[in-house]
C-alpha atoms as a PDB file:
ATOM      1  CA  MET A   1     -89.192  21.507  -3.731  1.00  0.00           C
ATOM      2  CA  THR A   2     -86.479  23.787  -4.620  1.00  0.00           C
ATOM      3  CA  TYR A   3     -83.707  23.386  -7.009  1.00  0.00           C
ATOM      4  CA  THR A   4     -80.718  24.956  -8.206  1.00  0.00           C
ATOM      5  CA  LEU A   5     -80.421  26.119 -11.594  1.00  0.00           C
ATOM      6  CA  GLU A   6     -78.150  23.059 -12.330  1.00  0.00           C
ATOM      7  CA  GLU A   7     -80.553  20.507 -10.571  1.00  0.00           C
ATOM      8  CA  LYS A   8     -83.339  21.989 -13.151  1.00  0.00           C
ATOM      9  CA  LYS A   9     -81.062  21.689 -16.152  1.00  0.00           C
ATOM     10  CA  ALA A  10     -80.085  17.854 -15.520  1.00  0.00           C
ATOM     11  CA  ILE A  11     -83.997  17.255 -14.853  1.00  0.00           C
ATOM     12  CA  LEU A  12     -84.759  18.499 -18.154  1.00  0.00           C
ATOM     13  CA  SER A  13     -81.973  16.994 -19.912  1.00  0.00           C
ATOM     14  CA  GLU A  14     -82.849  13.840 -18.399  1.00  0.00           C
ATOM     15  CA  LEU A  15     -86.393  14.464 -20.130  1.00  0.00           C
ATOM     16  CA  ILE A  16     -84.980  15.333 -23.015  1.00  0.00           C
ATOM     17  CA  MET A  17     -82.828  12.343 -23.514  1.00  0.00           C
ATOM     18  CA  MET A  18     -85.999   9.908 -22.644  1.00  0.00           C
ATOM     19  CA  ALA A  19     -88.189  11.855 -25.369  1.00  0.00           C
ATOM     20  CA  HIS A  20     -84.990  11.234 -27.928  1.00  0.00           C
ATOM     21  CA  ALA A  21     -84.684   7.730 -27.057  1.00  0.00           C
ATOM     22  CA  ASP A  22     -86.696   6.198 -29.509  1.00  0.00           C
ATOM     23  CA  GLN A  23     -85.255   8.693 -31.841  1.00  0.00           C
ATOM     24  CA  HIS A  24     -88.643  10.156 -32.619  1.00  0.00           C
ATOM     25  CA  ILE A  25     -89.618  13.124 -30.647  1.00  0.00           C
ATOM     26  CA  LYS A  26     -92.857  13.465 -30.520  1.00  0.00           C
ATOM     27  CA  LYS A  27     -95.452  16.804 -29.634  1.00  0.00           C
ATOM     28  CA  GLU A  28     -96.767  15.040 -26.416  1.00  0.00           C
ATOM     29  CA  GLU A  29     -93.338  14.629 -25.261  1.00  0.00           C
ATOM     30  CA  ILE A  30     -92.288  18.509 -26.413  1.00  0.00           C
ATOM     31  CA  ALA A  31     -95.648  19.865 -24.132  1.00  0.00           C
ATOM     32  CA  PHE A  32     -94.116  17.941 -21.250  1.00  0.00           C
ATOM     33  CA  ILE A  33     -90.978  19.176 -21.141  1.00  0.00           C
ATOM     34  CA  HIS A  34     -91.961  22.596 -21.824  1.00  0.00           C
ATOM     35  CA  ALA A  35     -94.514  22.232 -18.663  1.00  0.00           C
ATOM     36  CA  ILE A  36     -91.864  20.722 -16.292  1.00  0.00           C
ATOM     37  CA  GLY A  37     -89.359  23.619 -17.604  1.00  0.00           C
ATOM     38  CA  LYS A  38     -92.600  26.169 -17.039  1.00  0.00           C
ATOM     39  CA  ARG A  39     -92.880  24.257 -13.694  1.00  0.00           C
ATOM     40  CA  LEU A  40     -89.360  24.812 -12.546  1.00  0.00           C
ATOM     41  CA  GLU A  41     -89.451  27.908 -13.999  1.00  0.00           C
ATOM     42  CA  LEU A  42     -86.827  27.536 -16.519  1.00  0.00           C
ATOM     43  CA  ASP A  43     -85.759  30.479 -19.027  1.00  0.00           C
ATOM     44  CA  GLU A  44     -87.967  29.452 -22.208  1.00  0.00           C
ATOM     45  CA  LYS A  45     -85.179  30.661 -24.332  1.00  0.00           C
ATOM     46  CA  GLU A  46     -82.518  27.773 -22.542  1.00  0.00           C
ATOM     47  CA  LEU A  47     -85.066  25.399 -22.379  1.00  0.00           C
ATOM     48  CA  SER A  48     -85.776  25.880 -26.458  1.00  0.00           C
ATOM     49  CA  TYR A  49     -81.639  25.353 -26.883  1.00  0.00           C
ATOM     50  CA  MET A  50     -81.355  22.005 -24.967  1.00  0.00           C
ATOM     51  CA  LEU A  51     -83.902  20.850 -26.988  1.00  0.00           C
ATOM     52  CA  GLU A  52     -82.292  22.116 -30.156  1.00  0.00           C
ATOM     53  CA  HIS A  53     -78.967  20.368 -29.037  1.00  0.00           C
ATOM     54  CA  PRO A  54     -79.597  17.429 -26.997  1.00  0.00           C
ATOM     55  CA  GLU A  55     -75.980  16.341 -27.576  1.00  0.00           C
ATOM     56  CA  GLU A  56     -74.678  19.129 -25.734  1.00  0.00           C
ATOM     57  CA  LEU A  57     -76.888  17.900 -22.533  1.00  0.00           C
ATOM     58  CA  GLU A  58     -75.481  16.914 -19.044  1.00  0.00           C
ATOM     59  CA  THR A  59     -76.964  15.010 -16.497  1.00  0.00           C
ATOM     60  CA  MET A  60     -76.591  15.025 -12.634  1.00  0.00           C
ATOM     61  CA  ILE A  61     -77.830  12.320  -9.906  1.00  0.00           C
ATOM     62  CA  PRO A  62     -80.382  13.960  -7.336  1.00  0.00           C
ATOM     63  CA  LYS A  63     -78.567  14.190  -4.047  1.00  0.00           C
ATOM     64  CA  GLN A  64     -82.057  13.801  -2.317  1.00  0.00           C
ATOM     65  CA  PHE A  65     -84.029  10.464  -1.951  1.00  0.00           C
ATOM     66  CA  VAL A  66     -87.168  12.659  -2.674  1.00  0.00           C
ATOM     67  CA  LYS A  67     -85.976  14.212  -5.393  1.00  0.00           C
ATOM     68  CA  ARG A  68     -84.668  10.996  -6.881  1.00  0.00           C
ATOM     69  CA  VAL A  69     -88.400   9.450  -6.764  1.00  0.00           C
ATOM     70  CA  VAL A  70     -90.262  12.320  -7.831  1.00  0.00           C
ATOM     71  CA  HIS A  71     -87.748  12.803 -11.216  1.00  0.00           C
ATOM     72  CA  PHE A  72     -87.973   9.289 -11.741  1.00  0.00           C
ATOM     73  CA  HIS A  73     -91.561   9.073 -11.769  1.00  0.00           C
ATOM     74  CA  ARG A  74     -91.400  12.214 -14.141  1.00  0.00           C
ATOM     75  CA  LEU A  75     -89.077   9.887 -16.692  1.00  0.00           C
ATOM     76  CA  MET A  76     -91.611   7.134 -16.564  1.00  0.00           C
ATOM     77  CA  LEU A  77     -94.455   9.590 -17.100  1.00  0.00           C
ATOM     78  CA  MET A  78     -92.273  10.582 -20.280  1.00  0.00           C
ATOM     79  CA  MET A  79     -91.410   7.191 -21.653  1.00  0.00           C
ATOM     80  CA  HIS A  80     -95.603   6.542 -21.644  1.00  0.00           C
ATOM     81  CA  ILE A  81     -96.671   9.753 -22.813  1.00  0.00           C
ATOM     82  CA  ASP A  82     -96.799   8.835 -26.458  1.00  0.00           C
ATOM     83  CA  GLY A  83     -98.756   5.450 -25.281  1.00  0.00           C
ATOM     84  CA  HIS A  84     -95.844   3.279 -26.839  1.00  0.00           C
ATOM     85  CA  VAL A  85     -92.845   2.165 -24.789  1.00  0.00           C
ATOM     86  CA  ASP A  86     -90.040   1.640 -27.056  1.00  0.00           C
ATOM     87  CA  ALA A  87     -87.359  -0.940 -26.267  1.00  0.00           C
ATOM     88  CA  ALA A  88     -84.328   2.234 -26.149  1.00  0.00           C
ATOM     89  CA  GLU A  89     -86.696   4.094 -23.746  1.00  0.00           C
ATOM     90  CA  LEU A  90     -87.153   1.090 -20.910  1.00  0.00           C
ATOM     91  CA  GLN A  91     -83.433   0.568 -21.694  1.00  0.00           C
ATOM     92  CA  LEU A  92     -82.701   4.097 -20.831  1.00  0.00           C
ATOM     93  CA  LEU A  93     -85.047   3.700 -17.559  1.00  0.00           C
ATOM     94  CA  TYR A  94     -83.471   0.871 -16.229  1.00  0.00           C
ATOM     95  CA  GLN A  95     -79.691   2.603 -16.936  1.00  0.00           C
ATOM     96  CA  THR A  96     -81.205   5.798 -14.947  1.00  0.00           C
ATOM     97  CA  ALA A  97     -82.374   3.353 -11.925  1.00  0.00           C
ATOM     98  CA  LEU A  98     -79.267   1.904 -11.680  1.00  0.00           C
ATOM     99  CA  ARG A  99     -77.275   5.248 -11.604  1.00  0.00           C
ATOM    100  CA  TYR A 100     -80.209   6.096  -8.810  1.00  0.00           C
ATOM    101  CA  GLY A 101     -79.874   3.407  -6.664  1.00  0.00           C
ATOM    102  CA  ILE A 102     -83.237   2.184  -7.325  1.00  0.00           C
ATOM    103  CA  ARG A 103     -83.749  -1.565  -7.636  1.00  0.00           C
ATOM    104  CA  LYS A 104     -84.984  -3.347 -10.797  1.00  0.00           C
ATOM    105  CA  SER A 105     -87.691  -5.064  -8.609  1.00  0.00           C
ATOM    106  CA  THR A 106     -88.697  -1.524  -7.883  1.00  0.00           C
ATOM    107  CA  VAL A 107     -88.861  -0.289 -11.513  1.00  0.00           C
ATOM    108  CA  ASP A 108     -91.012  -3.413 -12.401  1.00  0.00           C
ATOM    109  CA  THR A 109     -93.629  -2.704  -9.100  1.00  0.00           C
ATOM    110  CA  LEU A 110     -92.981   0.819 -10.715  1.00  0.00           C
ATOM    111  CA  LEU A 111     -94.023   0.136 -13.975  1.00  0.00           C
ATOM    112  CA  ASN A 112     -96.859  -2.756 -12.771  1.00  0.00           C
ATOM    113  CA  THR A 113     -98.563   0.145 -10.593  1.00  0.00           C
ATOM    114  CA  MET A 114     -98.597   2.553 -13.425  1.00  0.00           C
ATOM    115  CA  GLU A 115    -100.784   0.539 -15.398  1.00  0.00           C
ATOM    116  CA  LYS A 116    -103.654   1.034 -12.366  1.00  0.00           C
ATOM    117  CA  TYR A 117    -103.837   4.541 -13.078  1.00  0.00           C
ATOM    118  CA  PRO A 118    -105.390   7.201 -15.877  1.00  0.00           C
ATOM    119  CA  HIS A 119    -101.786   8.545 -17.418  1.00  0.00           C
ATOM    120  CA  GLY A 120     -99.670   6.400 -14.967  1.00  0.00           C
ATOM    121  CA  GLU A 121     -99.610   8.892 -12.410  1.00  0.00           C
ATOM    122  CA  ILE A 122     -99.204   7.035  -9.163  1.00  0.00           C
ATOM    123  CA  PRO A 123    -100.439   8.866  -5.863  1.00  0.00           C
ATOM    124  CA  PRO A 124     -97.352   9.956  -4.152  1.00  0.00           C
ATOM    125  CA  SER A 125     -98.349   8.124  -0.705  1.00  0.00           C
ATOM    126  CA  GLU A 126     -98.345   4.997  -3.274  1.00  0.00           C
ATOM    127  CA  LEU A 127     -95.073   6.242  -5.092  1.00  0.00           C
ATOM    128  CA  MET A 128     -93.355   6.793  -2.013  1.00  0.00           C
ATOM    129  CA  SER A 129     -94.376   3.635  -0.329  1.00  0.00           C
ATOM    130  CA  ILE A 130     -93.054   1.564  -3.538  1.00  0.00           C
ATOM    131  CA  HIS A 131     -89.540   3.314  -3.434  1.00  0.00           C
ATOM    132  CA  GLN A 132     -89.087   2.692   0.640  1.00  0.00           C
ATOM    133  CA  ARG A 133     -90.320  -0.748   0.754  1.00  0.00           C
ATOM    134  CA  ASN A 134     -87.532  -1.815  -1.665  1.00  0.00           C
ATOM    135  CA  HIS A 135     -84.709   1.115  -0.614  1.00  0.00           C
ATOM    136  CA  ASN A 136     -84.005  -1.035   2.175  1.00  0.00           C
END
């Protein structure tokens, strides 16, 4: 998938916001954000600035369904990365789902499905199947 610079920044912004949701950003969360930043080929200086200035972050809803699904899964992985799901993280996830047009029942199914897989990484075919089944 290709992303514009604006999309890359929005993806990382939401991940950073999720990392800050519980008021405690952890080293695993920072490492995950850096890994995604590297995969998206975002400048390291830009990413560092974003991490240091979360109050300036802006988000946008991905226009393509597939991009919404992929990014929403990233947010879910971020939420689980430290082994503890905080109520504030869960609330942010449900708010994001609402903005993305993802039903609460879909989020609940995804959360339950994540528990079946190591590190919560749902296989892409199953991830898409869950979203498509609940999208209509």
